[in-house]
Amino acid sequence: MGLYLGHKTQMSTKYKVWQNGYHAEMAVSGWFIKQKVQYIHNNPVVQKIVTAPEHYVFNSARNYAELENELGVTVLFLG
């Protein structure tokens, strides 16, 4: 049993990962990139999966906090 992209099922609408639509924005400033990285890092906290971004092992927050992490990440120092 699995989900296939393009097929609308009750399960696919109940357990969505992404919002409908697509809105690309050019990342032209350090501020913009930093804002998006922080947003990604804070998602598990907002969803009450962890209490701090660096506690979540599936994103780069641990790398940015200079903690041990198995993810190979290039940390951007954006100020």
C-alpha atoms as a PDB file:
ATOM      1  CA  MET A   1       0.000   0.000   0.000  1.00  0.00           C
ATOM      2  CA  GLY A   2       1.367   3.403  -0.884  1.00  0.00           C
ATOM      3  CA  LEU A   3       0.586   6.906  -1.997  1.00  0.00           C
ATOM      4  CA  TYR A   4       1.174   8.028  -5.550  1.00  0.00           C
ATOM      5  CA  LEU A   5       1.702  11.660  -6.432  1.00  0.00           C
ATOM      6  CA  GLY A   6      -1.086  12.961  -8.612  1.00  0.00           C
ATOM      7  CA  HIS A   7      -3.784  10.713  -7.167  1.00  0.00           C
ATOM      8  CA  LYS A   8      -6.046  12.526  -4.751  1.00  0.00           C
ATOM      9  CA  THR A   9      -7.097  10.182  -1.985  1.00  0.00           C
ATOM     10  CA  GLN A  10      -8.589  10.737   1.431  1.00  0.00           C
ATOM     11  CA  MET A  11      -5.272   9.738   2.979  1.00  0.00           C
ATOM     12  CA  SER A  12      -3.202  12.137   0.842  1.00  0.00           C
ATOM     13  CA  THR A  13      -5.350  15.119   1.816  1.00  0.00           C
ATOM     14  CA  LYS A  14      -5.411  14.172   5.498  1.00  0.00           C
ATOM     15  CA  TYR A  15      -1.648  13.673   5.847  1.00  0.00           C
ATOM     16  CA  LYS A  16      -0.224  16.431   3.626  1.00  0.00           C
ATOM     17  CA  VAL A  17       3.390  17.413   4.001  1.00  0.00           C
ATOM     18  CA  TRP A  18       3.394  20.444   1.687  1.00  0.00           C
ATOM     19  CA  GLN A  19       0.892  23.205   1.068  1.00  0.00           C
ATOM     20  CA  ASN A  20      -0.887  23.452  -2.279  1.00  0.00           C
ATOM     21  CA  GLY A  21       0.718  25.713  -4.809  1.00  0.00           C
ATOM     22  CA  TYR A  22       4.233  26.828  -5.519  1.00  0.00           C
ATOM     23  CA  HIS A  23       5.742  30.210  -4.833  1.00  0.00           C
ATOM     24  CA  ALA A  24       9.455  30.407  -5.633  1.00  0.00           C
ATOM     25  CA  GLU A  25      11.469  33.324  -4.308  1.00  0.00           C
ATOM     26  CA  MET A  26      15.040  34.238  -5.196  1.00  0.00           C
ATOM     27  CA  ALA A  27      17.373  34.026  -2.186  1.00  0.00           C
ATOM     28  CA  VAL A  28      19.342  37.206  -2.799  1.00  0.00           C
ATOM     29  CA  SER A  29      20.294  38.331   0.701  1.00  0.00           C
ATOM     30  CA  GLY A  30      21.888  36.816   3.766  1.00  0.00           C
ATOM     31  CA  TRP A  31      18.921  38.004   5.828  1.00  0.00           C
ATOM     32  CA  PHE A  32      16.467  36.099   3.618  1.00  0.00           C
ATOM     33  CA  ILE A  33      18.493  32.876   3.716  1.00  0.00           C
ATOM     34  CA  LYS A  34      18.976  33.146   7.493  1.00  0.00           C
ATOM     35  CA  GLN A  35      15.229  33.638   7.946  1.00  0.00           C
ATOM     36  CA  LYS A  36      14.460  30.478   5.926  1.00  0.00           C
ATOM     37  CA  VAL A  37      17.094  28.395   7.748  1.00  0.00           C
ATOM     38  CA  GLN A  38      15.681  29.505  11.113  1.00  0.00           C
ATOM     39  CA  TYR A  39      12.155  28.692   9.932  1.00  0.00           C
ATOM     40  CA  ILE A  40      13.232  25.166   8.944  1.00  0.00           C
ATOM     41  CA  HIS A  41      15.103  24.676  12.221  1.00  0.00           C
ATOM     42  CA  ASN A  42      12.138  25.857  14.318  1.00  0.00           C
ATOM     43  CA  ASN A  43       9.461  23.729  12.602  1.00  0.00           C
ATOM     44  CA  PRO A  44       9.988  20.696  14.904  1.00  0.00           C
ATOM     45  CA  VAL A  45       9.732  23.006  17.946  1.00  0.00           C
ATOM     46  CA  VAL A  46       6.511  24.609  16.689  1.00  0.00           C
ATOM     47  CA  GLN A  47       5.057  21.130  16.076  1.00  0.00           C
ATOM     48  CA  LYS A  48       6.103  20.117  19.626  1.00  0.00           C
ATOM     49  CA  ILE A  49       8.331  17.287  18.376  1.00  0.00           C
ATOM     50  CA  VAL A  50      11.302  18.670  20.353  1.00  0.00           C
ATOM     51  CA  THR A  51      11.844  21.502  22.837  1.00  0.00           C
ATOM     52  CA  ALA A  52      14.842  23.046  21.029  1.00  0.00           C
ATOM     53  CA  PRO A  53      15.848  23.040  17.340  1.00  0.00           C
ATOM     54  CA  GLU A  54      19.179  21.322  18.021  1.00  0.00           C
ATOM     55  CA  HIS A  55      17.374  18.368  19.626  1.00  0.00           C
ATOM     56  CA  TYR A  56      15.918  17.375  16.238  1.00  0.00           C
ATOM     57  CA  VAL A  57      18.341  15.103  14.386  1.00  0.00           C
ATOM     58  CA  PHE A  58      16.807  15.402  10.905  1.00  0.00           C
ATOM     59  CA  ASN A  59      17.794  18.993  10.118  1.00  0.00           C
ATOM     60  CA  SER A  60      20.952  21.089  10.275  1.00  0.00           C
ATOM     61  CA  ALA A  61      20.224  22.888  13.577  1.00  0.00           C
ATOM     62  CA  ARG A  62      22.792  20.695  15.356  1.00  0.00           C
ATOM     63  CA  ASN A  63      25.415  21.677  12.784  1.00  0.00           C
ATOM     64  CA  TYR A  64      24.678  25.370  13.292  1.00  0.00           C
ATOM     65  CA  ALA A  65      24.898  24.894  17.079  1.00  0.00           C
ATOM     66  CA  GLU A  66      28.325  23.254  16.535  1.00  0.00           C
ATOM     67  CA  LEU A  67      27.102  19.966  18.007  1.00  0.00           C
ATOM     68  CA  GLU A  68      27.876  16.486  16.717  1.00  0.00           C
ATOM     69  CA  ASN A  69      25.632  15.492  13.837  1.00  0.00           C
ATOM     70  CA  GLU A  70      25.735  12.754  11.223  1.00  0.00           C
ATOM     71  CA  LEU A  71      24.348  15.052   8.506  1.00  0.00           C
ATOM     72  CA  GLY A  72      26.984  16.476   6.191  1.00  0.00           C
ATOM     73  CA  VAL A  73      26.077  20.162   6.124  1.00  0.00           C
ATOM     74  CA  THR A  74      27.902  23.254   4.939  1.00  0.00           C
ATOM     75  CA  VAL A  75      27.120  25.872   7.565  1.00  0.00           C
ATOM     76  CA  LEU A  76      26.526  29.380   6.199  1.00  0.00           C
ATOM     77  CA  PHE A  77      27.644  32.183   8.504  1.00  0.00           C
ATOM     78  CA  LEU A  78      25.220  34.916   7.580  1.00  0.00           C
ATOM     79  CA  GLY A  79      25.643  37.302  10.521  1.00  0.00           C
END
